Amino acid sequence: MHTVNFTRMEDGTREEYEFLDRKEQEFTAGLPDRIMASLRKLEHSISGYRINRLEHSLQGATRAQRAGESDEFIVSVLLHDIGDDLAPYSHSEMAAAILRPFVSEKLYWIVKHHGVFQMYYYAHHCGGDRNAREKFKDNPWYQDAVDFCHNYDQNCFDPDYDSEPLEFFEPILRRVLARPSMEDPEQVARYGASS
């Protein structure tokens, strides 16, 4: 079988859906390659800073790695701005959606909201509310998001910082994306508890 015969999903057979499931698994296995390609595109993303978005991401991930953060954390920092290219108004949510199956709920939440937390450093210069993050003050991960932005985002625009190259992070990225996180009960239900 090269393609299914149905034109409406309700008409599909078990054999066709088993075939499609195999195709989806093959496609999903290429996710790390597609993410690496998307990260490389950040080299030609938002301009005006002293470094490009790829270098910003590498700088943050390098700082996280050197600070002894977990692989999940390092990959979360590496991918936190991956949505800049296709979702400039919601890049945080896009990055979080990519990461969600592979990281803890805490890291998913931090990446999803990092754009609001990052505003603390610049919004008041552009007519915005630098304290917009305060709406999350009662969230148990509020301080974690503050720390994420302070240690691995707002300070990662230094053209003289000796970041590791993207290739350094590829094995870490591949480990984290090897299978969905088992910390999230929804992921355990979806993908099973086996390794």
N, C-alpha and C. Protein backbone atom coordinates (compact mmCIF):
# COMPACT_ATOMS: atom_id res chain seq x y z
N MET A 1 0.85 -1.18 0.00
CA MET A 1 0.00 0.00 0.00
C MET A 1 0.89 1.24 0.00
N HIS A 2 0.62 2.16 -0.91
CA HIS A 2 1.36 3.42 -0.97
C HIS A 2 0.54 4.57 -0.42
N THR A 3 -0.75 4.50 -0.58
CA THR A 3 -1.67 5.49 -0.02
C THR A 3 -2.95 4.77 0.38
N VAL A 4 -3.72 5.40 1.21
CA VAL A 4 -5.03 4.86 1.58
C VAL A 4 -6.01 5.11 0.44
N ASN A 5 -7.12 4.39 0.46
CA ASN A 5 -8.14 4.56 -0.56
C ASN A 5 -9.22 5.56 -0.18
N PHE A 6 -9.41 5.79 1.12
CA PHE A 6 -10.55 6.62 1.53
C PHE A 6 -10.34 8.11 1.25
N THR A 7 -11.44 8.79 1.10
CA THR A 7 -11.43 10.25 0.95
C THR A 7 -12.11 10.92 2.14
N ARG A 8 -12.75 10.12 2.98
CA ARG A 8 -13.35 10.59 4.23
C ARG A 8 -12.85 9.67 5.33
N MET A 9 -12.39 10.24 6.42
CA MET A 9 -11.80 9.43 7.49
C MET A 9 -12.75 8.37 8.01
N GLU A 10 -14.03 8.67 8.02
CA GLU A 10 -14.99 7.71 8.55
C GLU A 10 -15.05 6.43 7.71
N ASP A 11 -14.51 6.46 6.49
CA ASP A 11 -14.53 5.29 5.62
C ASP A 11 -13.25 4.46 5.69
N GLY A 12 -12.29 4.86 6.50
CA GLY A 12 -11.02 4.15 6.59
C GLY A 12 -11.15 2.79 7.25
N THR A 13 -10.26 1.88 6.86
CA THR A 13 -10.25 0.53 7.41
C THR A 13 -9.14 0.40 8.45
N ARG A 14 -9.20 -0.66 9.23
CA ARG A 14 -8.14 -0.93 10.21
C ARG A 14 -6.79 -1.02 9.51
N GLU A 15 -6.72 -1.72 8.39
CA GLU A 15 -5.46 -1.87 7.64
C GLU A 15 -4.92 -0.50 7.22
N GLU A 16 -5.81 0.36 6.74
CA GLU A 16 -5.37 1.70 6.31
C GLU A 16 -4.85 2.51 7.50
N TYR A 17 -5.54 2.44 8.62
CA TYR A 17 -5.09 3.21 9.78
C TYR A 17 -3.81 2.64 10.39
N GLU A 18 -3.62 1.35 10.33
CA GLU A 18 -2.35 0.78 10.77
C GLU A 18 -1.22 1.23 9.85
N PHE A 19 -1.49 1.28 8.55
CA PHE A 19 -0.52 1.79 7.58
C PHE A 19 -0.19 3.25 7.88
N LEU A 20 -1.21 4.07 8.11
CA LEU A 20 -0.99 5.49 8.41
C LEU A 20 -0.24 5.68 9.73
N ASP A 21 -0.52 4.83 10.70
CA ASP A 21 0.18 4.91 11.97
C ASP A 21 1.67 4.66 11.78
N ARG A 22 2.02 3.67 10.96
CA ARG A 22 3.44 3.41 10.66
C ARG A 22 4.07 4.62 9.97
N LYS A 23 3.35 5.22 9.02
CA LYS A 23 3.86 6.40 8.31
C LYS A 23 4.07 7.56 9.29
N GLU A 24 3.14 7.74 10.21
CA GLU A 24 3.27 8.82 11.19
C GLU A 24 4.47 8.59 12.09
N GLN A 25 4.69 7.34 12.51
CA GLN A 25 5.84 7.04 13.35
C GLN A 25 7.14 7.32 12.60
N GLU A 26 7.20 6.97 11.32
CA GLU A 26 8.39 7.26 10.52
C GLU A 26 8.62 8.76 10.42
N PHE A 27 7.54 9.51 10.19
CA PHE A 27 7.65 10.96 10.08
C PHE A 27 8.08 11.57 11.41
N THR A 28 7.47 11.12 12.49
CA THR A 28 7.78 11.65 13.82
C THR A 28 9.24 11.41 14.18
N ALA A 29 9.81 10.31 13.73
CA ALA A 29 11.21 10.01 14.02
C ALA A 29 12.15 11.09 13.45
N GLY A 30 11.70 11.82 12.45
CA GLY A 30 12.51 12.89 11.85
C GLY A 30 12.37 14.23 12.55
N LEU A 31 11.61 14.29 13.65
CA LEU A 31 11.41 15.56 14.34
C LEU A 31 12.71 16.24 14.77
N PRO A 32 13.67 15.52 15.36
CA PRO A 32 14.91 16.21 15.73
C PRO A 32 15.61 16.88 14.54
N ASP A 33 15.58 16.24 13.38
CA ASP A 33 16.21 16.83 12.19
C ASP A 33 15.48 18.12 11.78
N ARG A 34 14.15 18.09 11.84
CA ARG A 34 13.38 19.28 11.47
C ARG A 34 13.60 20.42 12.47
N ILE A 35 13.73 20.06 13.73
CA ILE A 35 13.98 21.10 14.74
C ILE A 35 15.37 21.69 14.56
N MET A 36 16.35 20.85 14.28
CA MET A 36 17.70 21.38 14.02
C MET A 36 17.67 22.34 12.83
N ALA A 37 16.95 21.99 11.78
CA ALA A 37 16.84 22.88 10.61
C ALA A 37 16.15 24.19 10.99
N SER A 38 15.12 24.12 11.82
CA SER A 38 14.43 25.34 12.25
C SER A 38 15.33 26.21 13.11
N LEU A 39 16.14 25.58 13.96
CA LEU A 39 17.08 26.36 14.76
C LEU A 39 18.08 27.08 13.86
N ARG A 40 18.57 26.39 12.83
CA ARG A 40 19.52 27.04 11.92
C ARG A 40 18.89 28.26 11.24
N LYS A 41 17.60 28.21 10.96
CA LYS A 41 16.91 29.34 10.33
C LYS A 41 16.90 30.57 11.23
N LEU A 42 17.02 30.37 12.54
CA LEU A 42 17.03 31.51 13.45
C LEU A 42 18.24 32.42 13.20
N GLU A 43 19.20 31.92 12.49
CA GLU A 43 20.38 32.74 12.15
C GLU A 43 19.96 33.94 11.29
N HIS A 44 18.82 33.80 10.62
CA HIS A 44 18.34 34.87 9.72
C HIS A 44 16.99 35.39 10.18
N SER A 45 16.76 35.40 11.46
CA SER A 45 15.49 35.83 12.03
C SER A 45 15.57 37.32 12.41
N ILE A 46 14.87 37.70 13.44
CA ILE A 46 14.77 39.09 13.89
C ILE A 46 16.14 39.77 13.91
N SER A 47 16.22 40.94 13.32
CA SER A 47 17.49 41.67 13.27
C SER A 47 17.45 42.87 14.20
N GLY A 48 18.58 43.53 14.33
CA GLY A 48 18.70 44.72 15.14
C GLY A 48 19.47 44.49 16.43
N TYR A 49 19.50 43.26 16.89
CA TYR A 49 20.28 42.92 18.08
C TYR A 49 21.75 42.75 17.66
N ARG A 50 22.63 42.71 18.62
CA ARG A 50 24.05 42.55 18.31
C ARG A 50 24.39 41.12 17.90
N ILE A 51 23.48 40.20 18.16
CA ILE A 51 23.64 38.81 17.74
C ILE A 51 22.32 38.33 17.13
N ASN A 52 22.37 37.25 16.35
CA ASN A 52 21.14 36.72 15.77
C ASN A 52 20.44 35.81 16.78
N ARG A 53 19.22 35.41 16.44
CA ARG A 53 18.40 34.60 17.36
C ARG A 53 19.02 33.21 17.61
N LEU A 54 19.69 32.66 16.62
CA LEU A 54 20.34 31.38 16.85
C LEU A 54 21.40 31.53 17.92
N GLU A 55 22.25 32.53 17.79
CA GLU A 55 23.29 32.75 18.79
C GLU A 55 22.68 33.04 20.16
N HIS A 56 21.58 33.77 20.20
CA HIS A 56 20.87 34.02 21.46
C HIS A 56 20.45 32.70 22.10
N SER A 57 19.89 31.82 21.30
CA SER A 57 19.43 30.51 21.80
C SER A 57 20.62 29.66 22.26
N LEU A 58 21.68 29.68 21.49
CA LEU A 58 22.89 28.92 21.86
C LEU A 58 23.51 29.47 23.14
N GLN A 59 23.50 30.79 23.27
CA GLN A 59 24.06 31.41 24.45
C GLN A 59 23.28 31.01 25.70
N GLY A 60 21.95 31.04 25.61
CA GLY A 60 21.13 30.63 26.74
C GLY A 60 21.34 29.17 27.08
N ALA A 61 21.34 28.30 26.06
CA ALA A 61 21.52 26.87 26.29
C ALA A 61 22.91 26.58 26.86
N THR A 62 23.91 27.30 26.39
CA THR A 62 25.27 27.12 26.91
C THR A 62 25.33 27.52 28.38
N ARG A 63 24.71 28.63 28.72
CA ARG A 63 24.68 29.05 30.12
C ARG A 63 23.97 28.01 30.99
N ALA A 64 22.87 27.47 30.48
CA ALA A 64 22.13 26.45 31.23
C ALA A 64 22.96 25.18 31.40
N GLN A 65 23.65 24.78 30.34
CA GLN A 65 24.49 23.57 30.41
C GLN A 65 25.63 23.78 31.40
N ARG A 66 26.26 24.92 31.35
CA ARG A 66 27.38 25.20 32.25
C ARG A 66 26.93 25.37 33.70
N ALA A 67 25.66 25.71 33.89
CA ALA A 67 25.11 25.83 35.24
C ALA A 67 24.67 24.49 35.80
N GLY A 68 24.77 23.44 34.98
CA GLY A 68 24.41 22.11 35.44
C GLY A 68 22.92 21.79 35.38
N GLU A 69 22.18 22.53 34.56
CA GLU A 69 20.74 22.27 34.42
C GLU A 69 20.53 20.92 33.72
N SER A 70 19.33 20.38 33.85
CA SER A 70 18.99 19.09 33.25
C SER A 70 18.93 19.19 31.73
N ASP A 71 18.97 18.05 31.06
CA ASP A 71 18.84 18.03 29.60
C ASP A 71 17.52 18.67 29.16
N GLU A 72 16.42 18.36 29.85
CA GLU A 72 15.12 18.96 29.51
C GLU A 72 15.18 20.48 29.59
N PHE A 73 15.83 20.97 30.62
CA PHE A 73 15.94 22.41 30.83
C PHE A 73 16.77 23.04 29.72
N ILE A 74 17.90 22.42 29.40
CA ILE A 74 18.79 22.94 28.35
C ILE A 74 18.05 23.01 27.02
N VAL A 75 17.31 21.96 26.68
CA VAL A 75 16.56 21.94 25.42
C VAL A 75 15.44 22.98 25.45
N SER A 76 14.83 23.19 26.60
CA SER A 76 13.79 24.21 26.72
C SER A 76 14.36 25.60 26.44
N VAL A 77 15.54 25.85 26.97
CA VAL A 77 16.19 27.14 26.70
C VAL A 77 16.57 27.23 25.22
N LEU A 78 17.13 26.16 24.68
CA LEU A 78 17.54 26.15 23.28
C LEU A 78 16.37 26.45 22.35
N LEU A 79 15.19 25.94 22.67
CA LEU A 79 14.03 26.08 21.78
C LEU A 79 13.07 27.21 22.16
N HIS A 80 13.36 27.95 23.22
CA HIS A 80 12.37 28.91 23.72
C HIS A 80 11.94 29.96 22.70
N ASP A 81 12.78 30.29 21.74
CA ASP A 81 12.44 31.29 20.72
C ASP A 81 12.27 30.69 19.33
N ILE A 82 12.14 29.38 19.23
CA ILE A 82 12.03 28.74 17.92
C ILE A 82 10.78 29.21 17.16
N GLY A 83 9.81 29.72 17.85
CA GLY A 83 8.59 30.19 17.21
C GLY A 83 8.69 31.58 16.60
N ASP A 84 9.80 32.26 16.80
CA ASP A 84 9.94 33.64 16.29
C ASP A 84 9.66 33.77 14.80
N ASP A 85 10.07 32.78 14.03
CA ASP A 85 9.95 32.85 12.58
C ASP A 85 8.50 32.79 12.11
N LEU A 86 7.73 31.83 12.63
CA LEU A 86 6.37 31.61 12.14
C LEU A 86 5.28 32.16 13.05
N ALA A 87 5.61 32.47 14.29
CA ALA A 87 4.61 32.96 15.24
C ALA A 87 5.15 34.16 16.01
N PRO A 88 5.44 35.27 15.32
CA PRO A 88 6.05 36.40 16.02
C PRO A 88 5.17 37.00 17.12
N TYR A 89 3.86 36.79 17.06
CA TYR A 89 2.98 37.33 18.09
C TYR A 89 2.65 36.30 19.17
N SER A 90 3.06 35.07 18.97
CA SER A 90 2.79 34.02 19.96
C SER A 90 3.92 32.99 19.98
N HIS A 91 5.15 33.48 19.85
CA HIS A 91 6.29 32.56 19.75
C HIS A 91 6.46 31.69 20.98
N SER A 92 6.12 32.22 22.15
CA SER A 92 6.26 31.44 23.38
C SER A 92 5.34 30.23 23.36
N GLU A 93 4.10 30.44 22.93
CA GLU A 93 3.14 29.34 22.88
C GLU A 93 3.56 28.28 21.85
N MET A 94 4.10 28.73 20.72
CA MET A 94 4.53 27.77 19.71
C MET A 94 5.69 26.92 20.23
N ALA A 95 6.67 27.56 20.84
CA ALA A 95 7.80 26.82 21.39
C ALA A 95 7.33 25.83 22.46
N ALA A 96 6.42 26.29 23.31
CA ALA A 96 5.91 25.42 24.37
C ALA A 96 5.17 24.22 23.79
N ALA A 97 4.39 24.45 22.74
CA ALA A 97 3.64 23.35 22.12
C ALA A 97 4.59 22.30 21.55
N ILE A 98 5.69 22.73 20.97
CA ILE A 98 6.68 21.79 20.44
C ILE A 98 7.29 20.97 21.59
N LEU A 99 7.58 21.63 22.68
CA LEU A 99 8.24 20.98 23.81
C LEU A 99 7.31 20.12 24.67
N ARG A 100 6.04 20.43 24.67
CA ARG A 100 5.11 19.84 25.64
C ARG A 100 5.19 18.32 25.79
N PRO A 101 5.26 17.54 24.73
CA PRO A 101 5.30 16.09 24.94
C PRO A 101 6.60 15.58 25.56
N PHE A 102 7.63 16.43 25.63
CA PHE A 102 8.96 15.95 25.99
C PHE A 102 9.51 16.50 27.30
N VAL A 103 8.87 17.50 27.85
CA VAL A 103 9.38 18.13 29.07
C VAL A 103 8.31 18.11 30.16
N SER A 104 8.72 18.44 31.35
CA SER A 104 7.79 18.48 32.49
C SER A 104 6.75 19.58 32.27
N GLU A 105 5.67 19.47 32.99
CA GLU A 105 4.61 20.49 32.93
C GLU A 105 5.17 21.85 33.37
N LYS A 106 6.08 21.83 34.32
CA LYS A 106 6.70 23.07 34.79
C LYS A 106 7.48 23.77 33.67
N LEU A 107 8.32 23.03 32.96
CA LEU A 107 9.09 23.65 31.87
C LEU A 107 8.18 24.08 30.73
N TYR A 108 7.17 23.28 30.43
CA TYR A 108 6.18 23.68 29.42
C TYR A 108 5.57 25.02 29.81
N TRP A 109 5.15 25.18 31.06
CA TRP A 109 4.52 26.42 31.52
C TRP A 109 5.49 27.59 31.44
N ILE A 110 6.71 27.37 31.85
CA ILE A 110 7.71 28.45 31.82
C ILE A 110 7.93 28.93 30.39
N VAL A 111 8.15 28.01 29.46
CA VAL A 111 8.38 28.42 28.07
C VAL A 111 7.13 29.09 27.49
N LYS A 112 5.96 28.55 27.80
CA LYS A 112 4.72 29.12 27.29
C LYS A 112 4.54 30.57 27.71
N HIS A 113 4.99 30.90 28.91
CA HIS A 113 4.77 32.25 29.44
C HIS A 113 6.03 33.12 29.47
N HIS A 114 7.14 32.61 28.95
CA HIS A 114 8.39 33.37 29.08
C HIS A 114 8.32 34.73 28.39
N GLY A 115 7.54 34.85 27.32
CA GLY A 115 7.42 36.14 26.64
C GLY A 115 6.87 37.23 27.54
N VAL A 116 5.88 36.87 28.36
CA VAL A 116 5.31 37.83 29.31
C VAL A 116 6.33 38.17 30.39
N PHE A 117 7.04 37.16 30.88
CA PHE A 117 8.03 37.40 31.93
C PHE A 117 9.21 38.21 31.40
N GLN A 118 9.57 38.02 30.15
CA GLN A 118 10.68 38.75 29.54
C GLN A 118 10.34 40.23 29.39
N MET A 119 9.05 40.54 29.27
CA MET A 119 8.62 41.94 29.12
C MET A 119 9.09 42.81 30.28
N TYR A 120 9.37 42.22 31.41
CA TYR A 120 9.83 42.96 32.57
C TYR A 120 11.05 43.83 32.23
N TYR A 121 11.86 43.35 31.30
CA TYR A 121 13.11 44.03 30.98
C TYR A 121 12.99 45.14 29.95
N TYR A 122 11.87 45.20 29.22
CA TYR A 122 11.81 46.20 28.15
C TYR A 122 10.45 46.87 27.94
N ALA A 123 9.36 46.30 28.39
CA ALA A 123 8.03 46.80 28.03
C ALA A 123 7.82 48.26 28.41
N HIS A 124 8.35 48.69 29.52
CA HIS A 124 8.17 50.07 29.98
C HIS A 124 8.83 51.08 29.04
N HIS A 125 9.77 50.63 28.23
CA HIS A 125 10.42 51.51 27.25
C HIS A 125 9.58 51.66 25.98
N CYS A 126 8.59 50.79 25.81
CA CYS A 126 7.79 50.77 24.58
C CYS A 126 6.31 51.00 24.85
N GLY A 127 5.98 51.54 26.01
CA GLY A 127 4.59 51.82 26.34
C GLY A 127 3.82 50.63 26.87
N GLY A 128 4.52 49.56 27.22
CA GLY A 128 3.86 48.37 27.75
C GLY A 128 4.00 48.27 29.26
N ASP A 129 3.45 47.21 29.80
CA ASP A 129 3.45 46.97 31.24
C ASP A 129 4.55 45.98 31.59
N ARG A 130 5.61 46.47 32.17
CA ARG A 130 6.72 45.60 32.53
C ARG A 130 6.34 44.62 33.63
N ASN A 131 5.27 44.91 34.35
CA ASN A 131 4.84 44.04 35.43
C ASN A 131 3.70 43.11 35.02
N ALA A 132 3.52 42.88 33.74
CA ALA A 132 2.45 42.00 33.26
C ALA A 132 2.60 40.59 33.85
N ARG A 133 3.81 40.21 34.17
CA ARG A 133 4.04 38.87 34.75
C ARG A 133 3.37 38.69 36.11
N GLU A 134 3.02 39.80 36.75
CA GLU A 134 2.42 39.73 38.08
C GLU A 134 1.07 39.00 38.08
N LYS A 135 0.43 38.90 36.92
CA LYS A 135 -0.84 38.16 36.87
C LYS A 135 -0.62 36.68 37.18
N PHE A 136 0.62 36.23 37.12
CA PHE A 136 0.96 34.84 37.43
C PHE A 136 1.59 34.69 38.82
N LYS A 137 1.54 35.73 39.62
CA LYS A 137 2.22 35.76 40.91
C LYS A 137 1.87 34.57 41.81
N ASP A 138 0.64 34.08 41.72
CA ASP A 138 0.22 32.97 42.58
C ASP A 138 0.54 31.60 42.00
N ASN A 139 1.12 31.56 40.82
CA ASN A 139 1.47 30.28 40.21
C ASN A 139 2.69 29.71 40.92
N PRO A 140 2.71 28.41 41.20
CA PRO A 140 3.87 27.84 41.91
C PRO A 140 5.17 27.94 41.12
N TRP A 141 5.09 28.17 39.81
CA TRP A 141 6.29 28.25 38.98
C TRP A 141 6.66 29.68 38.60
N TYR A 142 6.02 30.64 39.25
CA TYR A 142 6.29 32.06 38.97
C TYR A 142 7.78 32.37 39.11
N GLN A 143 8.36 32.04 40.24
CA GLN A 143 9.78 32.37 40.47
C GLN A 143 10.68 31.61 39.52
N ASP A 144 10.29 30.39 39.18
CA ASP A 144 11.08 29.61 38.21
C ASP A 144 11.11 30.32 36.86
N ALA A 145 9.99 30.91 36.45
CA ALA A 145 9.93 31.65 35.19
C ALA A 145 10.75 32.93 35.27
N VAL A 146 10.69 33.61 36.41
CA VAL A 146 11.53 34.80 36.62
C VAL A 146 12.99 34.42 36.47
N ASP A 147 13.40 33.33 37.12
CA ASP A 147 14.79 32.88 37.07
C ASP A 147 15.20 32.45 35.66
N PHE A 148 14.31 31.74 34.96
CA PHE A 148 14.57 31.31 33.58
C PHE A 148 14.91 32.53 32.73
N CYS A 149 14.08 33.54 32.78
CA CYS A 149 14.31 34.74 31.95
C CYS A 149 15.54 35.51 32.41
N HIS A 150 15.73 35.61 33.72
CA HIS A 150 16.86 36.38 34.22
C HIS A 150 18.20 35.71 33.90
N ASN A 151 18.26 34.39 34.05
CA ASN A 151 19.53 33.68 33.90
C ASN A 151 19.83 33.17 32.50
N TYR A 152 18.76 32.96 31.68
CA TYR A 152 18.97 32.27 30.41
C TYR A 152 18.29 32.94 29.22
N ASP A 153 17.81 34.16 29.38
CA ASP A 153 17.15 34.85 28.27
C ASP A 153 17.61 36.29 28.18
N GLN A 154 17.25 37.14 29.13
CA GLN A 154 17.54 38.57 29.06
C GLN A 154 19.03 38.89 28.98
N ASN A 155 19.86 38.00 29.47
CA ASN A 155 21.31 38.25 29.51
C ASN A 155 22.06 37.53 28.39
N CYS A 156 21.35 37.08 27.38
CA CYS A 156 21.97 36.26 26.33
C CYS A 156 22.01 36.96 24.98
N PHE A 157 22.54 38.19 25.00
CA PHE A 157 22.67 38.98 23.78
C PHE A 157 24.09 39.53 23.65
N ASP A 158 25.05 38.79 24.19
CA ASP A 158 26.44 39.23 24.28
C ASP A 158 27.26 38.68 23.11
N PRO A 159 27.72 39.55 22.20
CA PRO A 159 28.48 39.06 21.06
C PRO A 159 29.84 38.47 21.44
N ASP A 160 30.30 38.69 22.66
CA ASP A 160 31.59 38.17 23.10
C ASP A 160 31.49 36.89 23.92
N TYR A 161 30.29 36.39 24.14
CA TYR A 161 30.12 35.17 24.93
C TYR A 161 30.55 33.97 24.09
N ASP A 162 31.24 33.02 24.71
CA ASP A 162 31.75 31.85 23.99
C ASP A 162 30.74 30.69 24.04
N SER A 163 29.70 30.81 23.27
CA SER A 163 28.65 29.79 23.21
C SER A 163 29.16 28.52 22.55
N GLU A 164 28.57 27.41 22.96
CA GLU A 164 28.82 26.15 22.28
C GLU A 164 28.09 26.19 20.93
N PRO A 165 28.59 25.50 19.92
CA PRO A 165 27.91 25.47 18.62
C PRO A 165 26.65 24.61 18.68
N LEU A 166 25.77 24.77 17.72
CA LEU A 166 24.53 24.01 17.67
C LEU A 166 24.79 22.51 17.72
N GLU A 167 25.82 22.04 17.05
CA GLU A 167 26.14 20.62 17.01
C GLU A 167 26.41 20.05 18.41
N PHE A 168 26.90 20.87 19.31
CA PHE A 168 27.15 20.45 20.69
C PHE A 168 25.85 20.00 21.35
N PHE A 169 24.75 20.68 21.02
CA PHE A 169 23.47 20.42 21.66
C PHE A 169 22.65 19.33 20.96
N GLU A 170 23.07 18.94 19.77
CA GLU A 170 22.28 17.96 19.03
C GLU A 170 22.07 16.65 19.79
N PRO A 171 23.09 16.05 20.40
CA PRO A 171 22.84 14.81 21.16
C PRO A 171 21.88 15.01 22.33
N ILE A 172 21.98 16.16 22.97
CA ILE A 172 21.07 16.46 24.09
C ILE A 172 19.64 16.59 23.57
N LEU A 173 19.48 17.31 22.47
CA LEU A 173 18.17 17.47 21.84
C LEU A 173 17.59 16.10 21.46
N ARG A 174 18.39 15.27 20.85
CA ARG A 174 17.92 13.94 20.43
C ARG A 174 17.52 13.07 21.62
N ARG A 175 18.26 13.18 22.73
CA ARG A 175 17.89 12.41 23.93
C ARG A 175 16.53 12.87 24.47
N VAL A 176 16.34 14.16 24.55
CA VAL A 176 15.10 14.69 25.10
C VAL A 176 13.91 14.38 24.19
N LEU A 177 14.13 14.44 22.88
CA LEU A 177 13.04 14.19 21.94
C LEU A 177 12.87 12.71 21.60
N ALA A 178 13.62 11.85 22.26
CA ALA A 178 13.54 10.42 21.95
C ALA A 178 12.19 9.81 22.28
N ARG A 179 11.55 10.35 23.29
CA ARG A 179 10.21 9.86 23.62
C ARG A 179 9.51 10.88 24.52
N PRO A 180 8.21 10.82 24.57
CA PRO A 180 7.48 11.77 25.43
C PRO A 180 7.85 11.63 26.90
N SER A 181 7.72 12.73 27.61
CA SER A 181 8.02 12.76 29.04
C SER A 181 7.06 11.88 29.82
N MET A 182 7.59 11.16 30.76
CA MET A 182 6.74 10.30 31.57
C MET A 182 6.35 10.99 32.89
N GLU A 183 6.74 12.25 33.04
CA GLU A 183 6.31 13.01 34.22
C GLU A 183 4.87 13.48 34.06
N ASP A 184 4.40 13.58 32.84
CA ASP A 184 3.08 14.11 32.55
C ASP A 184 2.09 12.96 32.40
N PRO A 185 1.11 12.85 33.30
CA PRO A 185 0.14 11.75 33.23
C PRO A 185 -0.59 11.66 31.89
N GLU A 186 -0.84 12.80 31.25
CA GLU A 186 -1.49 12.78 29.93
C GLU A 186 -0.60 12.08 28.91
N GLN A 187 0.69 12.30 28.98
CA GLN A 187 1.61 11.66 28.05
C GLN A 187 1.73 10.17 28.34
N VAL A 188 1.71 9.80 29.61
CA VAL A 188 1.75 8.38 29.96
C VAL A 188 0.52 7.69 29.38
N ALA A 189 -0.65 8.32 29.52
CA ALA A 189 -1.87 7.75 28.97
C ALA A 189 -1.82 7.63 27.46
N ARG A 190 -1.24 8.63 26.80
CA ARG A 190 -1.20 8.66 25.34
C ARG A 190 -0.17 7.67 24.77
N TYR A 191 1.03 7.65 25.39
CA TYR A 191 2.13 6.91 24.80
C TYR A 191 2.52 5.65 25.58
N GLY A 192 1.97 5.48 26.77
CA GLY A 192 2.30 4.30 27.56
C GLY A 192 3.50 4.50 28.43
N ALA A 193 3.65 3.67 29.42
CA ALA A 193 4.73 3.83 30.40
C ALA A 193 5.99 3.08 30.06
N SER A 194 6.00 2.32 28.98
CA SER A 194 7.20 1.56 28.63
C SER A 194 8.27 2.47 28.07
N SER A 195 9.51 2.09 28.24
CA SER A 195 10.61 2.89 27.69
C SER A 195 11.02 2.26 26.43
